Amino acid sequence: MTFKSLRVPTLGLAGLVAMAATAGPAVADPVTGLINPTPVALIPVPASAANAQPGGVFTSFDISFADSVNGNIFIADRSNNAVDIFSGSSRIFLGRAEGFTGQTGNNNTSGADGVLTVTSGGITTLYAGDGTSSLRIYNATNPAAPLFQQTIFTGGSTRVDEMAFSPANGGVVLAANNAETPAFGNLFSTTGGGHLPVTLTTTPGVGIQVPASQGGIAAGGMEQPAWNPLTTGGPRSGFLSRSWALAGPLTQVGSPRSALMAQCCKPRLSQTYRRAASHRGGARRPDSPLPGTATC
């Protein structure tokens, strides 16, 4: 499970992370549609040596990810230049993976950013994007002391952000350089169903883009992807949401206007695009091939 970024006010010397649960039946706010959870714990966030905030406070984080196998929660902590690891059951701070850019004053180059983990065979591999257009990979089997393993640069100049994992074909990670112009997605092959070594399989600096003929624009961004193992018409499809500003009296930034599907199909797995129907309705366009092909 993945959660989007927030910037939080100063919460004491070290800062606090709130874990929440819904008590009783979930009731959505009639205006926003959001469910207001009930806090069950406030967990202190210790300051790292890299924390440059006054008093070592915890003021900024990005994606958080809950590992459904080991029950731990991983948070991209920009204040401490790290990914923090918390126990979802005992509700305590366990450790952190360090070495990220932290808060640079520019959201596009700050890190850590997107986060996900893969736990199988007794191994937890942590993937986290950084503000240097790079994917950093750690062995987080021991959450108290994650071991840095590998950095892969994706050829851009800004952060590697939202990502998703598919166990198909040996394991594939899809991650977005969403602050580039144009934004592009990256595919990484893994070993043993999500672990090291990891290889970038799309072209650095190009990756997967939405062609102009299918509604892509240079100023468009990319948001959270998700893999669907049971897509109609063939398994192993990934959906990567597109967002951009809509002109008009009510300009909307980040509107889910269309989606990019990187569909992996058959041996060697050529890529295809499909533009989803507009959120306002409309028919899908037929699939169009990606200029060139890439393994998935």
C-alpha atoms as a PDB file:
ATOM      1  CA  MET A   1       0.000   0.000   0.000  1.00  0.00           C
ATOM      2  CA  THR A   2       1.378   3.407  -0.975  1.00  0.00           C
ATOM      3  CA  PHE A   3       0.627   6.826   0.512  1.00  0.00           C
ATOM      4  CA  LYS A   4       1.281  10.202  -1.115  1.00  0.00           C
ATOM      5  CA  SER A   5       3.588  12.923   0.169  1.00  0.00           C
ATOM      6  CA  LEU A   6       2.892  15.596   2.738  1.00  0.00           C
ATOM      7  CA  ARG A   7       4.757  18.430   4.383  1.00  0.00           C
ATOM      8  CA  VAL A   8       4.121  18.555   8.104  1.00  0.00           C
ATOM      9  CA  PRO A   9       4.550  21.261  10.760  1.00  0.00           C
ATOM     10  CA  THR A  10       7.291  21.035  13.351  1.00  0.00           C
ATOM     11  CA  LEU A  11       6.368  18.360  15.890  1.00  0.00           C
ATOM     12  CA  GLY A  12       8.920  18.662  18.690  1.00  0.00           C
ATOM     13  CA  LEU A  13      12.676  18.136  18.592  1.00  0.00           C
ATOM     14  CA  ALA A  14      12.635  14.863  16.726  1.00  0.00           C
ATOM     15  CA  GLY A  15       9.165  14.992  15.241  1.00  0.00           C
ATOM     16  CA  LEU A  16       6.441  12.371  15.317  1.00  0.00           C
ATOM     17  CA  VAL A  17       4.840   9.965  12.889  1.00  0.00           C
ATOM     18  CA  ALA A  18       1.178   9.238  13.532  1.00  0.00           C
ATOM     19  CA  MET A  19      -0.156   5.759  12.852  1.00  0.00           C
ATOM     20  CA  ALA A  20      -3.874   5.621  12.545  1.00  0.00           C
ATOM     21  CA  ALA A  21      -6.719   3.175  12.352  1.00  0.00           C
ATOM     22  CA  THR A  22     -10.440   3.476  11.791  1.00  0.00           C
ATOM     23  CA  ALA A  23     -12.454   2.705  14.904  1.00  0.00           C
ATOM     24  CA  GLY A  24     -15.866   1.230  14.120  1.00  0.00           C
ATOM     25  CA  PRO A  25     -17.559   1.612  10.744  1.00  0.00           C
ATOM     26  CA  ALA A  26     -15.714   3.866   8.321  1.00  0.00           C
ATOM     27  CA  VAL A  27     -17.648   7.054   7.616  1.00  0.00           C
ATOM     28  CA  ALA A  28     -16.559   9.298   4.754  1.00  0.00           C
ATOM     29  CA  ASP A  29     -16.623  13.073   4.929  1.00  0.00           C
ATOM     30  CA  PRO A  30     -19.698  14.193   2.910  1.00  0.00           C
ATOM     31  CA  VAL A  31     -17.702  16.952   1.169  1.00  0.00           C
ATOM     32  CA  THR A  32     -14.262  15.474   0.543  1.00  0.00           C
ATOM     33  CA  GLY A  33     -15.208  11.805   0.540  1.00  0.00           C
ATOM     34  CA  LEU A  34     -12.225  11.101   2.808  1.00  0.00           C
ATOM     35  CA  ILE A  35     -12.322   8.802   5.796  1.00  0.00           C
ATOM     36  CA  ASN A  36     -11.007  10.357   8.986  1.00  0.00           C
ATOM     37  CA  PRO A  37      -8.959   7.711  10.826  1.00  0.00           C
ATOM     38  CA  THR A  38      -8.405   7.591  14.556  1.00  0.00           C
ATOM     39  CA  PRO A  39      -4.744   7.982  15.658  1.00  0.00           C
ATOM     40  CA  VAL A  40      -3.529   4.988  17.654  1.00  0.00           C
ATOM     41  CA  ALA A  41       0.134   5.928  18.125  1.00  0.00           C
ATOM     42  CA  LEU A  42       2.580   8.815  17.858  1.00  0.00           C
ATOM     43  CA  ILE A  43       6.067   7.523  17.078  1.00  0.00           C
ATOM     44  CA  PRO A  44       9.142   9.709  17.653  1.00  0.00           C
ATOM     45  CA  VAL A  45      11.360  10.197  14.599  1.00  0.00           C
ATOM     46  CA  PRO A  46      15.004  10.511  15.698  1.00  0.00           C
ATOM     47  CA  ALA A  47      17.191  13.072  13.953  1.00  0.00           C
ATOM     48  CA  SER A  48      20.010  11.740  11.803  1.00  0.00           C
ATOM     49  CA  ALA A  49      23.471  13.278  11.457  1.00  0.00           C
ATOM     50  CA  ALA A  50      22.369  14.550   8.035  1.00  0.00           C
ATOM     51  CA  ASN A  51      19.368  16.468   9.402  1.00  0.00           C
ATOM     52  CA  ALA A  52      19.997  20.168   8.734  1.00  0.00           C
ATOM     53  CA  GLN A  53      16.667  21.404  10.126  1.00  0.00           C
ATOM     54  CA  PRO A  54      16.816  23.649  13.213  1.00  0.00           C
ATOM     55  CA  GLY A  55      16.591  21.371  16.230  1.00  0.00           C
ATOM     56  CA  GLY A  56      16.718  18.269  14.032  1.00  0.00           C
ATOM     57  CA  VAL A  57      12.977  18.411  13.380  1.00  0.00           C
ATOM     58  CA  PHE A  58      11.033  16.126  11.034  1.00  0.00           C
ATOM     59  CA  THR A  59       9.238  18.506   8.672  1.00  0.00           C
ATOM     60  CA  SER A  60       9.069  16.923   5.224  1.00  0.00           C
ATOM     61  CA  PHE A  61       8.414  13.496   3.763  1.00  0.00           C
ATOM     62  CA  ASP A  62       7.250  11.992   0.496  1.00  0.00           C
ATOM     63  CA  ILE A  63       5.887   8.530  -0.346  1.00  0.00           C
ATOM     64  CA  SER A  64       5.241   5.945   2.359  1.00  0.00           C
ATOM     65  CA  PHE A  65       4.822   2.236   1.644  1.00  0.00           C
ATOM     66  CA  ALA A  66       3.413  -0.594   3.771  1.00  0.00           C
ATOM     67  CA  ASP A  67       5.020  -4.008   3.193  1.00  0.00           C
ATOM     68  CA  SER A  68       2.198  -6.562   3.360  1.00  0.00           C
ATOM     69  CA  VAL A  69       4.585  -9.446   4.108  1.00  0.00           C
ATOM     70  CA  ASN A  70       6.660  -8.188   7.042  1.00  0.00           C
ATOM     71  CA  GLY A  71       4.224  -5.520   8.236  1.00  0.00           C
ATOM     72  CA  ASN A  72       6.795  -2.730   8.236  1.00  0.00           C
ATOM     73  CA  ILE A  73       6.140   0.786   6.960  1.00  0.00           C
ATOM     74  CA  PHE A  74       8.730   2.682   4.917  1.00  0.00           C
ATOM     75  CA  ILE A  75       8.616   6.495   4.738  1.00  0.00           C
ATOM     76  CA  ALA A  76      10.666   8.745   2.446  1.00  0.00           C
ATOM     77  CA  ASP A  77      12.027  11.155   5.068  1.00  0.00           C
ATOM     78  CA  ARG A  78      13.517  14.211   3.375  1.00  0.00           C
ATOM     79  CA  SER A  79      14.349  15.911   6.675  1.00  0.00           C
ATOM     80  CA  ASN A  80      16.778  13.107   7.526  1.00  0.00           C
ATOM     81  CA  ASN A  81      17.955  12.317   3.964  1.00  0.00           C
ATOM     82  CA  ALA A  82      16.668   8.796   4.393  1.00  0.00           C
ATOM     83  CA  VAL A  83      13.923   6.205   4.195  1.00  0.00           C
ATOM     84  CA  ASP A  84      12.633   5.554   7.729  1.00  0.00           C
ATOM     85  CA  ILE A  85      11.376   2.107   8.728  1.00  0.00           C
ATOM     86  CA  PHE A  86       8.651   1.584  11.337  1.00  0.00           C
ATOM     87  CA  SER A  87       6.974  -1.514  12.704  1.00  0.00           C
ATOM     88  CA  GLY A  88       3.301  -1.553  11.826  1.00  0.00           C
ATOM     89  CA  SER A  89       2.545  -3.948  14.694  1.00  0.00           C
ATOM     90  CA  SER A  90       4.668  -2.699  17.614  1.00  0.00           C
ATOM     91  CA  ARG A  91       4.535   0.905  16.312  1.00  0.00           C
ATOM     92  CA  ILE A  92       8.161   1.766  16.881  1.00  0.00           C
ATOM     93  CA  PHE A  93      10.986   3.229  14.813  1.00  0.00           C
ATOM     94  CA  LEU A  94      13.209   0.382  13.568  1.00  0.00           C
ATOM     95  CA  GLY A  95      15.928   2.012  11.489  1.00  0.00           C
ATOM     96  CA  ARG A  96      16.603   3.921   8.285  1.00  0.00           C
ATOM     97  CA  ALA A  97      18.266   3.660   4.885  1.00  0.00           C
ATOM     98  CA  GLU A  98      20.465   6.730   4.485  1.00  0.00           C
ATOM     99  CA  GLY A  99      22.316   8.550   1.700  1.00  0.00           C
ATOM    100  CA  PHE A 100      19.605  10.581  -0.071  1.00  0.00           C
ATOM    101  CA  THR A 101      19.754  14.230  -1.153  1.00  0.00           C
ATOM    102  CA  GLY A 102      17.333  15.469   1.523  1.00  0.00           C
ATOM    103  CA  GLN A 103      15.613  18.861   1.280  1.00  0.00           C
ATOM    104  CA  THR A 104      17.414  20.880  -1.382  1.00  0.00           C
ATOM    105  CA  GLY A 105      14.957  23.773  -1.534  1.00  0.00           C
ATOM    106  CA  ASN A 106      13.619  22.419  -4.816  1.00  0.00           C
ATOM    107  CA  ASN A 107      11.006  19.667  -4.711  1.00  0.00           C
ATOM    108  CA  ASN A 108      12.201  18.349  -8.074  1.00  0.00           C
ATOM    109  CA  THR A 109      15.678  17.559  -6.782  1.00  0.00           C
ATOM    110  CA  SER A 110      14.904  16.571  -3.177  1.00  0.00           C
ATOM    111  CA  GLY A 111      14.885  13.003  -1.890  1.00  0.00           C
ATOM    112  CA  ALA A 112      13.983  10.456  -0.846  1.00  0.00           C
ATOM    113  CA  ASP A 113      10.921  10.243  -3.100  1.00  0.00           C
ATOM    114  CA  GLY A 114       9.069   7.153  -4.353  1.00  0.00           C
ATOM    115  CA  VAL A 115       9.368   4.020  -2.191  1.00  0.00           C
ATOM    116  CA  LEU A 116       8.461   0.356  -2.474  1.00  0.00           C
ATOM    117  CA  THR A 117       9.677  -2.936  -1.063  1.00  0.00           C
ATOM    118  CA  VAL A 118       9.635  -6.553  -2.209  1.00  0.00           C
ATOM    119  CA  THR A 119       9.792  -9.253   0.463  1.00  0.00           C
ATOM    120  CA  SER A 120      10.175 -12.891  -0.590  1.00  0.00           C
ATOM    121  CA  GLY A 121      12.411 -15.818   0.240  1.00  0.00           C
ATOM    122  CA  GLY A 122      13.332 -14.225   3.532  1.00  0.00           C
ATOM    123  CA  ILE A 123      14.787 -11.134   1.812  1.00  0.00           C
ATOM    124  CA  THR A 124      13.414  -7.573   1.811  1.00  0.00           C
ATOM    125  CA  THR A 125      14.641  -5.374  -1.022  1.00  0.00           C
ATOM    126  CA  LEU A 126      13.957  -1.648  -0.700  1.00  0.00           C
ATOM    127  CA  TYR A 127      13.661   0.567  -3.788  1.00  0.00           C
ATOM    128  CA  ALA A 128      13.663   4.341  -3.320  1.00  0.00           C
ATOM    129  CA  GLY A 129      13.912   7.215  -5.780  1.00  0.00           C
ATOM    130  CA  ASP A 130      16.260  10.149  -5.206  1.00  0.00           C
ATOM    131  CA  GLY A 131      16.488  13.737  -6.445  1.00  0.00           C
ATOM    132  CA  THR A 132      19.468  12.928  -8.667  1.00  0.00           C
ATOM    133  CA  SER A 133      17.344  11.026 -11.208  1.00  0.00           C
ATOM    134  CA  SER A 134      18.401   7.803  -9.568  1.00  0.00           C
ATOM    135  CA  LEU A 135      16.948   4.653  -8.057  1.00  0.00           C
ATOM    136  CA  ARG A 136      18.681   3.547  -4.847  1.00  0.00           C
ATOM    137  CA  ILE A 137      18.393  -0.081  -3.773  1.00  0.00           C
ATOM    138  CA  TYR A 138      18.962  -1.528  -0.290  1.00  0.00           C
ATOM    139  CA  ASN A 139      18.805  -4.906   1.401  1.00  0.00           C
ATOM    140  CA  ALA A 140      16.397  -4.084   4.231  1.00  0.00           C
ATOM    141  CA  THR A 141      16.018  -7.607   5.589  1.00  0.00           C
ATOM    142  CA  ASN A 142      17.402  -6.272   8.860  1.00  0.00           C
ATOM    143  CA  PRO A 143      15.423  -3.029   9.247  1.00  0.00           C
ATOM    144  CA  ALA A 144      17.760  -1.813  11.975  1.00  0.00           C
ATOM    145  CA  ALA A 145      20.661  -1.709   9.529  1.00  0.00           C
ATOM    146  CA  PRO A 146      19.625  -1.597   5.833  1.00  0.00           C
ATOM    147  CA  LEU A 147      22.546  -2.275   3.508  1.00  0.00           C
ATOM    148  CA  PHE A 148      23.010  -0.045   0.449  1.00  0.00           C
ATOM    149  CA  GLN A 149      23.428  -2.204  -2.655  1.00  0.00           C
ATOM    150  CA  GLN A 150      23.072  -0.308  -5.914  1.00  0.00           C
ATOM    151  CA  THR A 151      22.331   3.050  -7.589  1.00  0.00           C
ATOM    152  CA  ILE A 152      20.843   3.214 -11.085  1.00  0.00           C
ATOM    153  CA  PHE A 153      20.682   6.559 -12.895  1.00  0.00           C
ATOM    154  CA  THR A 154      17.738   7.040 -15.246  1.00  0.00           C
ATOM    155  CA  GLY A 155      19.197   9.791 -17.434  1.00  0.00           C
ATOM    156  CA  GLY A 156      17.138  12.750 -16.264  1.00  0.00           C
ATOM    157  CA  SER A 157      17.957  15.704 -14.024  1.00  0.00           C
ATOM    158  CA  THR A 158      15.156  15.433 -11.443  1.00  0.00           C
ATOM    159  CA  ARG A 159      13.689  12.972  -8.965  1.00  0.00           C
ATOM    160  CA  VAL A 160      12.685   9.356  -9.535  1.00  0.00           C
ATOM    161  CA  ASP A 161       9.310   9.196  -7.837  1.00  0.00           C
ATOM    162  CA  GLU A 162       6.221   6.966  -7.778  1.00  0.00           C
ATOM    163  CA  MET A 163       6.788   3.293  -8.553  1.00  0.00           C
ATOM    164  CA  ALA A 164       5.133  -0.120  -8.689  1.00  0.00           C
ATOM    165  CA  PHE A 165       6.245  -3.762  -8.870  1.00  0.00           C
ATOM    166  CA  SER A 166       5.118  -6.726 -10.951  1.00  0.00           C
ATOM    167  CA  PRO A 167       6.283 -10.249 -10.058  1.00  0.00           C
ATOM    168  CA  ALA A 168       5.871 -11.354 -13.685  1.00  0.00           C
ATOM    169  CA  ASN A 169       8.890 -12.191 -15.839  1.00  0.00           C
ATOM    170  CA  GLY A 170      11.315 -12.428 -12.948  1.00  0.00           C
ATOM    171  CA  GLY A 171      10.099  -9.210 -11.374  1.00  0.00           C
ATOM    172  CA  VAL A 172       9.715  -5.747 -12.920  1.00  0.00           C
ATOM    173  CA  VAL A 173       9.837  -2.323 -11.244  1.00  0.00           C
ATOM    174  CA  LEU A 174       8.110   0.607 -12.961  1.00  0.00           C
ATOM    175  CA  ALA A 175       9.196   4.056 -11.713  1.00  0.00           C
ATOM    176  CA  ALA A 176       8.414   7.553 -12.993  1.00  0.00           C
ATOM    177  CA  ASN A 177      10.681  10.527 -13.648  1.00  0.00           C
ATOM    178  CA  ASN A 178       7.598  12.664 -13.177  1.00  0.00           C
ATOM    179  CA  ALA A 179       9.271  16.092 -12.969  1.00  0.00           C
ATOM    180  CA  GLU A 180      10.995  15.872 -16.355  1.00  0.00           C
ATOM    181  CA  THR A 181       9.746  17.670 -19.461  1.00  0.00           C
ATOM    182  CA  PRO A 182       8.374  15.482 -20.847  1.00  0.00           C
ATOM    183  CA  ALA A 183       7.905  13.059 -17.971  1.00  0.00           C
ATOM    184  CA  PHE A 184       8.863   9.456 -18.594  1.00  0.00           C
ATOM    185  CA  GLY A 185       8.535   6.058 -16.966  1.00  0.00           C
ATOM    186  CA  ASN A 186      11.385   3.610 -16.415  1.00  0.00           C
ATOM    187  CA  LEU A 187      11.347  -0.185 -16.356  1.00  0.00           C
ATOM    188  CA  PHE A 188      13.849  -2.184 -14.297  1.00  0.00           C
ATOM    189  CA  SER A 189      14.349  -5.942 -14.463  1.00  0.00           C
ATOM    190  CA  THR A 190      15.093  -7.696 -11.184  1.00  0.00           C
ATOM    191  CA  THR A 191      16.379 -11.115 -10.162  1.00  0.00           C
ATOM    192  CA  GLY A 192      14.552 -13.849  -8.283  1.00  0.00           C
ATOM    193  CA  GLY A 193      11.216 -12.081  -8.279  1.00  0.00           C
ATOM    194  CA  GLY A 194      12.170  -8.602  -7.118  1.00  0.00           C
ATOM    195  CA  HIS A 195      15.728  -8.673  -5.842  1.00  0.00           C
ATOM    196  CA  LEU A 196      19.312  -7.877  -6.884  1.00  0.00           C
ATOM    197  CA  PRO A 197      20.902  -7.452  -9.317  1.00  0.00           C
ATOM    198  CA  VAL A 198      18.639  -4.854 -10.946  1.00  0.00           C
ATOM    199  CA  THR A 199      18.978  -3.494 -14.495  1.00  0.00           C
ATOM    200  CA  LEU A 200      17.381  -0.515 -16.268  1.00  0.00           C
ATOM    201  CA  THR A 201      15.793  -1.887 -19.450  1.00  0.00           C
ATOM    202  CA  THR A 202      14.380   1.301 -20.972  1.00  0.00           C
ATOM    203  CA  THR A 203      16.482   3.983 -22.667  1.00  0.00           C
ATOM    204  CA  PRO A 204      17.986   6.446 -20.135  1.00  0.00           C
ATOM    205  CA  GLY A 205      16.495   9.912 -20.446  1.00  0.00           C
ATOM    206  CA  VAL A 206      13.720   8.630 -22.740  1.00  0.00           C
ATOM    207  CA  GLY A 207      11.990   5.744 -21.016  1.00  0.00           C
ATOM    208  CA  ILE A 208       8.252   5.350 -21.629  1.00  0.00           C
ATOM    209  CA  GLN A 209       6.477   8.499 -22.794  1.00  0.00           C
ATOM    210  CA  VAL A 210       2.947   9.244 -23.967  1.00  0.00           C
ATOM    211  CA  PRO A 211       3.115  10.233 -27.667  1.00  0.00           C
ATOM    212  CA  ALA A 212       1.500  13.508 -28.694  1.00  0.00           C
ATOM    213  CA  SER A 213      -0.785  11.505 -30.987  1.00  0.00           C
ATOM    214  CA  GLN A 214      -2.277   9.881 -27.877  1.00  0.00           C
ATOM    215  CA  GLY A 215      -2.643  13.069 -25.862  1.00  0.00           C
ATOM    216  CA  GLY A 216       0.839  13.437 -24.430  1.00  0.00           C
ATOM    217  CA  ILE A 217       2.122  16.971 -23.859  1.00  0.00           C
ATOM    218  CA  ALA A 218       5.566  18.176 -22.844  1.00  0.00           C
ATOM    219  CA  ALA A 219       4.313  19.736 -19.616  1.00  0.00           C
ATOM    220  CA  GLY A 220       2.497  16.583 -18.526  1.00  0.00           C
ATOM    221  CA  GLY A 221       3.483  14.810 -15.308  1.00  0.00           C
ATOM    222  CA  MET A 222       3.183  11.227 -14.111  1.00  0.00           C
ATOM    223  CA  GLU A 223       1.770   9.944 -10.856  1.00  0.00           C
ATOM    224  CA  GLN A 224       1.343   6.664  -8.986  1.00  0.00           C
ATOM    225  CA  PRO A 225       1.487   3.530 -11.176  1.00  0.00           C
ATOM    226  CA  ALA A 226      -0.084   0.167 -10.374  1.00  0.00           C
ATOM    227  CA  TRP A 227       0.287  -3.302 -11.861  1.00  0.00           C
ATOM    228  CA  ASN A 228      -2.747  -5.378 -12.769  1.00  0.00           C
ATOM    229  CA  PRO A 229      -2.054  -9.122 -13.195  1.00  0.00           C
ATOM    230  CA  LEU A 230      -5.483  -9.821 -14.694  1.00  0.00           C
ATOM    231  CA  THR A 231      -5.915  -7.188 -17.408  1.00  0.00           C
ATOM    232  CA  THR A 232      -8.536  -8.042 -20.017  1.00  0.00           C
ATOM    233  CA  GLY A 233      -6.875  -9.117 -23.244  1.00  0.00           C
ATOM    234  CA  GLY A 234      -3.691 -10.353 -21.598  1.00  0.00           C
ATOM    235  CA  PRO A 235      -1.972 -10.468 -18.232  1.00  0.00           C
ATOM    236  CA  ARG A 236       0.849  -8.359 -16.830  1.00  0.00           C
ATOM    237  CA  SER A 237      -0.228  -4.796 -17.528  1.00  0.00           C
ATOM    238  CA  GLY A 238       0.837  -1.657 -15.734  1.00  0.00           C
ATOM    239  CA  PHE A 239      -1.133   1.556 -15.491  1.00  0.00           C
ATOM    240  CA  LEU A 240       0.757   4.820 -15.047  1.00  0.00           C
ATOM    241  CA  SER A 241      -1.409   7.880 -14.461  1.00  0.00           C
ATOM    242  CA  ARG A 242      -0.803  11.119 -16.350  1.00  0.00           C
ATOM    243  CA  SER A 243      -1.521  14.583 -14.993  1.00  0.00           C
ATOM    244  CA  TRP A 244      -1.393  18.117 -16.358  1.00  0.00           C
ATOM    245  CA  ALA A 245      -3.055  21.518 -16.135  1.00  0.00           C
ATOM    246  CA  LEU A 246      -6.379  21.890 -17.897  1.00  0.00           C
ATOM    247  CA  ALA A 247      -7.119  25.258 -19.479  1.00  0.00           C
ATOM    248  CA  GLY A 248     -10.420  26.922 -18.664  1.00  0.00           C
ATOM    249  CA  PRO A 249     -12.145  28.925 -15.959  1.00  0.00           C
ATOM    250  CA  LEU A 250     -11.291  26.264 -13.355  1.00  0.00           C
ATOM    251  CA  THR A 251      -7.720  25.218 -14.078  1.00  0.00           C
ATOM    252  CA  GLN A 252      -7.018  21.847 -12.515  1.00  0.00           C
ATOM    253  CA  VAL A 253      -3.451  20.775 -11.880  1.00  0.00           C
ATOM    254  CA  GLY A 254      -2.966  17.056 -11.486  1.00  0.00           C
ATOM    255  CA  SER A 255      -6.241  16.020 -13.089  1.00  0.00           C
ATOM    256  CA  PRO A 256      -6.312  12.312 -14.030  1.00  0.00           C
ATOM    257  CA  ARG A 257      -6.938  13.122 -17.657  1.00  0.00           C
ATOM    258  CA  SER A 258      -5.506   9.947 -19.093  1.00  0.00           C
ATOM    259  CA  ALA A 259      -3.498   6.881 -18.192  1.00  0.00           C
ATOM    260  CA  LEU A 260      -0.559   5.150 -19.785  1.00  0.00           C
ATOM    261  CA  MET A 261      -0.578   1.390 -19.908  1.00  0.00           C
ATOM    262  CA  ALA A 262       2.719  -0.393 -20.401  1.00  0.00           C
ATOM    263  CA  GLN A 263       1.467  -3.824 -21.375  1.00  0.00           C
ATOM    264  CA  CYS A 264       3.824  -6.770 -21.223  1.00  0.00           C
ATOM    265  CA  CYS A 265       2.684  -9.535 -23.483  1.00  0.00           C
ATOM    266  CA  LYS A 266       4.152 -12.816 -24.741  1.00  0.00           C
ATOM    267  CA  PRO A 267       7.858 -13.703 -24.942  1.00  0.00           C
ATOM    268  CA  ARG A 268      10.240 -10.741 -25.159  1.00  0.00           C
ATOM    269  CA  LEU A 269       7.336  -8.566 -24.140  1.00  0.00           C
ATOM    270  CA  SER A 270       6.993  -5.653 -26.568  1.00  0.00           C
ATOM    271  CA  GLN A 271       5.482  -2.488 -25.127  1.00  0.00           C
ATOM    272  CA  THR A 272       2.178  -0.995 -26.214  1.00  0.00           C
ATOM    273  CA  TYR A 273       0.372   2.131 -25.197  1.00  0.00           C
ATOM    274  CA  ARG A 274      -3.299   2.577 -24.515  1.00  0.00           C
ATOM    275  CA  ARG A 275      -4.891   5.886 -23.705  1.00  0.00           C
ATOM    276  CA  ALA A 276      -7.648   5.480 -21.172  1.00  0.00           C
ATOM    277  CA  ALA A 277     -10.924   7.299 -21.627  1.00  0.00           C
ATOM    278  CA  SER A 278     -11.066  10.828 -20.267  1.00  0.00           C
ATOM    279  CA  HIS A 279     -12.435  11.166 -16.754  1.00  0.00           C
ATOM    280  CA  ARG A 280     -15.280  13.047 -18.443  1.00  0.00           C
ATOM    281  CA  GLY A 281     -16.197  10.038 -20.515  1.00  0.00           C
ATOM    282  CA  GLY A 282     -15.418   8.843 -23.984  1.00  0.00           C
ATOM    283  CA  ALA A 283     -14.247   5.748 -25.789  1.00  0.00           C
ATOM    284  CA  ARG A 284     -10.780   4.276 -25.590  1.00  0.00           C
ATOM    285  CA  ARG A 285      -8.484   4.555 -28.554  1.00  0.00           C
ATOM    286  CA  PRO A 286      -7.042   1.386 -30.075  1.00  0.00           C
ATOM    287  CA  ASP A 287      -3.617   0.291 -28.877  1.00  0.00           C
ATOM    288  CA  SER A 288      -0.686   1.924 -30.636  1.00  0.00           C
ATOM    289  CA  PRO A 289       2.822   0.494 -30.671  1.00  0.00           C
ATOM    290  CA  LEU A 290       5.664   2.155 -28.838  1.00  0.00           C
ATOM    291  CA  PRO A 291       8.276   3.599 -31.226  1.00  0.00           C
ATOM    292  CA  GLY A 292      10.795   0.786 -30.957  1.00  0.00           C
ATOM    293  CA  THR A 293      10.360  -1.898 -28.320  1.00  0.00           C
ATOM    294  CA  ALA A 294      11.628  -2.532 -24.840  1.00  0.00           C
ATOM    295  CA  THR A 295      11.684  -5.581 -22.626  1.00  0.00           C
ATOM    296  CA  CYS A 296       9.418  -5.470 -19.602  1.00  0.00           C
END
